[in-house]
C-alpha atoms as a PDB file:
ATOM      1  CA  MET A   1     142.398  83.041 114.835  1.00  0.00           C
ATOM      2  CA  LYS A   2     139.206  81.959 113.105  1.00  0.00           C
ATOM      3  CA  CYS A   3     138.020  83.517 109.836  1.00  0.00           C
ATOM      4  CA  PHE A   4     134.311  83.009 110.518  1.00  0.00           C
ATOM      5  CA  PRO A   5     132.450  84.625 113.404  1.00  0.00           C
ATOM      6  CA  THR A   6     131.115  82.375 116.132  1.00  0.00           C
ATOM      7  CA  GLY A   7     128.682  82.718 119.021  1.00  0.00           C
ATOM      8  CA  LEU A   8     127.463  86.223 119.689  1.00  0.00           C
ATOM      9  CA  ASN A   9     129.742  87.636 116.999  1.00  0.00           C
ATOM     10  CA  TYR A  10     128.054  85.382 114.446  1.00  0.00           C
ATOM     11  CA  LEU A  11     124.622  86.500 115.633  1.00  0.00           C
ATOM     12  CA  PHE A  12     125.703  90.127 115.404  1.00  0.00           C
ATOM     13  CA  VAL A  13     126.928  89.645 111.844  1.00  0.00           C
ATOM     14  CA  LEU A  14     123.641  87.962 110.859  1.00  0.00           C
ATOM     15  CA  VAL A  15     121.567  90.698 112.431  1.00  0.00           C
ATOM     16  CA  CYS A  16     123.744  93.310 110.824  1.00  0.00           C
ATOM     17  CA  LEU A  17     123.483  91.731 107.397  1.00  0.00           C
ATOM     18  CA  ALA A  18     119.766  91.020 107.595  1.00  0.00           C
ATOM     19  CA  GLY A  19     118.637  94.123 109.440  1.00  0.00           C
ATOM     20  CA  SER A  20     120.588  97.053 108.140  1.00  0.00           C
ATOM     21  CA  GLY A  21     122.079  95.706 104.956  1.00  0.00           C
ATOM     22  CA  CYS A  22     125.634  96.371 106.103  1.00  0.00           C
ATOM     23  CA  SER A  23     127.252  94.020 103.638  1.00  0.00           C
ATOM     24  CA  LEU A  24     130.278  96.221 103.110  1.00  0.00           C
ATOM     25  CA  GLY A  25     128.597  98.482 100.604  1.00  0.00           C
ATOM     26  CA  ARG A  26     126.962  95.770  98.522  1.00  0.00           C
ATOM     27  CA  SER A  27     123.492  94.301  98.673  1.00  0.00           C
ATOM     28  CA  ALA A  28     122.862  90.656  99.505  1.00  0.00           C
ATOM     29  CA  SER A  29     121.843  90.054  95.901  1.00  0.00           C
ATOM     30  CA  ASP A  30     125.234  91.370  94.782  1.00  0.00           C
ATOM     31  CA  ASP A  31     126.919  89.173  97.383  1.00  0.00           C
ATOM     32  CA  LEU A  32     125.186  86.131  95.913  1.00  0.00           C
ATOM     33  CA  LYS A  33     127.482  86.532  92.914  1.00  0.00           C
ATOM     34  CA  SER A  34     130.609  86.680  95.079  1.00  0.00           C
ATOM     35  CA  THR A  35     133.513  84.462  94.120  1.00  0.00           C
ATOM     36  CA  ASN A  36     134.015  83.783  97.823  1.00  0.00           C
ATOM     37  CA  PRO A  37     131.818  80.754  98.611  1.00  0.00           C
ATOM     38  CA  ALA A  38     131.381  81.748 102.260  1.00  0.00           C
ATOM     39  CA  VAL A  39     130.108  85.205 101.274  1.00  0.00           C
ATOM     40  CA  ALA A  40     127.792  83.763  98.623  1.00  0.00           C
ATOM     41  CA  LEU A  41     126.446  81.146 101.042  1.00  0.00           C
ATOM     42  CA  GLN A  42     125.824  83.700 103.791  1.00  0.00           C
ATOM     43  CA  ALA A  43     124.225  86.083 101.306  1.00  0.00           C
ATOM     44  CA  GLN A  44     121.890  83.278 100.222  1.00  0.00           C
ATOM     45  CA  LYS A  45     120.917  82.734 103.863  1.00  0.00           C
ATOM     46  CA  VAL A  46     120.211  86.454 104.218  1.00  0.00           C
ATOM     47  CA  VAL A  47     118.081  86.488 101.076  1.00  0.00           C
ATOM     48  CA  ASP A  48     116.187  83.363 102.156  1.00  0.00           C
ATOM     49  CA  LEU A  49     115.553  84.718 105.638  1.00  0.00           C
ATOM     50  CA  GLN A  50     114.456  88.082 104.269  1.00  0.00           C
ATOM     51  CA  GLN A  51     111.929  86.319 102.031  1.00  0.00           C
ATOM     52  CA  GLN A  52     110.668  84.337 105.019  1.00  0.00           C
ATOM     53  CA  VAL A  53     110.388  87.506 107.098  1.00  0.00           C
ATOM     54  CA  ASP A  54     108.481  89.259 104.316  1.00  0.00           C
ATOM     55  CA  ALA A  55     106.107  86.316 103.899  1.00  0.00           C
ATOM     56  CA  GLN A  56     105.552  86.040 107.647  1.00  0.00           C
ATOM     57  CA  GLU A  57     104.881  89.779 107.939  1.00  0.00           C
ATOM     58  CA  LYS A  58     102.204  89.430 105.266  1.00  0.00           C
ATOM     59  CA  VAL A  59     100.611  86.471 107.082  1.00  0.00           C
ATOM     60  CA  TYR A  60     100.712  88.385 110.358  1.00  0.00           C
ATOM     61  CA  ASN A  61      99.266  91.551 108.832  1.00  0.00           C
ATOM     62  CA  ASP A  62      96.488  89.577 107.130  1.00  0.00           C
ATOM     63  CA  GLN A  63      95.610  87.853 110.407  1.00  0.00           C
ATOM     64  CA  ARG A  64      95.713  91.134 112.326  1.00  0.00           C
ATOM     65  CA  ASP A  65      93.410  92.733 109.758  1.00  0.00           C
ATOM     66  CA  ALA A  66      91.027  89.774 109.940  1.00  0.00           C
ATOM     67  CA  VAL A  67      90.908  90.077 113.737  1.00  0.00           C
ATOM     68  CA  ARG A  68      90.159  93.793 113.464  1.00  0.00           C
ATOM     69  CA  ASP A  69      87.367  93.071 110.999  1.00  0.00           C
ATOM     70  CA  ARG A  70      85.868  90.472 113.354  1.00  0.00           C
ATOM     71  CA  GLU A  71      86.164  92.857 116.298  1.00  0.00           C
ATOM     72  CA  LYS A  72      84.319  95.535 114.318  1.00  0.00           C
ATOM     73  CA  ALA A  73      81.599  93.018 113.424  1.00  0.00           C
ATOM     74  CA  VAL A  74      81.272  91.998 117.084  1.00  0.00           C
ATOM     75  CA  ASP A  75      81.055  95.649 118.147  1.00  0.00           C
ATOM     76  CA  LYS A  76      78.314  96.228 115.573  1.00  0.00           C
ATOM     77  CA  GLN A  77      76.411  93.161 116.798  1.00  0.00           C
ATOM     78  CA  LYS A  78      76.720  94.401 120.392  1.00  0.00           C
ATOM     79  CA  GLU A  79      75.291  97.770 119.373  1.00  0.00           C
ATOM     80  CA  GLU A  80      72.417  96.067 117.558  1.00  0.00           C
ATOM     81  CA  ALA A  81      71.761  93.847 120.582  1.00  0.00           C
ATOM     82  CA  ASP A  82      71.710  96.918 122.841  1.00  0.00           C
ATOM     83  CA  VAL A  83      69.134  98.554 120.561  1.00  0.00           C
ATOM     84  CA  GLU A  84      66.973  95.407 120.662  1.00  0.00           C
ATOM     85  CA  LYS A  85      67.327  95.252 124.460  1.00  0.00           C
ATOM     86  CA  LYS A  86      66.099  98.844 124.742  1.00  0.00           C
ATOM     87  CA  ARG A  87      63.149  98.030 122.475  1.00  0.00           C
ATOM     88  CA  LEU A  88      62.328  95.028 124.666  1.00  0.00           C
ATOM     89  CA  GLU A  89      62.500  97.152 127.814  1.00  0.00           C
ATOM     90  CA  ALA A  90      60.238  99.750 126.211  1.00  0.00           C
ATOM     91  CA  LEU A  91      57.711  97.049 125.229  1.00  0.00           C
ATOM     92  CA  LYS A  92      57.797  95.590 128.748  1.00  0.00           C
ATOM     93  CA  ASN A  93      57.156  99.033 130.177  1.00  0.00           C
ATOM     94  CA  GLN A  94      54.217  99.476 127.780  1.00  0.00           C
ATOM     95  CA  LEU A  95      52.895  96.056 128.806  1.00  0.00           C
ATOM     96  CA  ASP A  96      53.172  96.918 132.496  1.00  0.00           C
ATOM     97  CA  GLY A  97      51.372 100.204 131.841  1.00  0.00           C
ATOM     98  CA  ALA A  98      48.643  98.449 129.864  1.00  0.00           C
ATOM     99  CA  LYS A  99      48.159  95.909 132.710  1.00  0.00           C
ATOM    100  CA  GLN A 100      47.870  98.743 135.235  1.00  0.00           C
ATOM    101  CA  ASN A 101      45.350 100.477 132.994  1.00  0.00           C
ATOM    102  CA  LEU A 102      43.370  97.244 132.708  1.00  0.00           C
ATOM    103  CA  LYS A 103      43.249  96.937 136.483  1.00  0.00           C
ATOM    104  CA  GLY A 104      42.106 100.529 136.699  1.00  0.00           C
ATOM    105  CA  VAL A 105      39.427 100.037 134.049  1.00  0.00           C
ATOM    106  CA  LYS A 106      38.185  96.874 135.817  1.00  0.00           C
ATOM    107  CA  THR A 107      38.055  98.639 139.152  1.00  0.00           C
ATOM    108  CA  GLN A 108      36.195 101.564 137.640  1.00  0.00           C
ATOM    109  CA  ALA A 109      33.750  99.218 135.877  1.00  0.00           C
ATOM    110  CA  LYS A 110      32.912  97.467 139.181  1.00  0.00           C
ATOM    111  CA  THR A 111      32.120 100.760 140.883  1.00  0.00           C
ATOM    112  CA  GLN A 112      29.705 101.916 138.193  1.00  0.00           C
END
């Protein structure tokens, strides 16, 4: 019989230690001080991985927030572009109307 878990059992122990803190009533930082080298070594792995997880969560959250900010900026630019498009359409309509009026004025001038 082996003292250390292997395979799926080992993975379960790691997940258990890292995820729910089930280190037999003690925290990983307490386990770092254990006189049992295997416990201290595993506790160090848990602490190291937790620090990596925390750092990666911060990187991920920062990136996610940056993407949201860029998406908001793009949405604002789209709204501004839509406003400018409507202004352009209104000016084109005014131009078309002015051209029609010019034709009308010319036609009226020829008949007088």
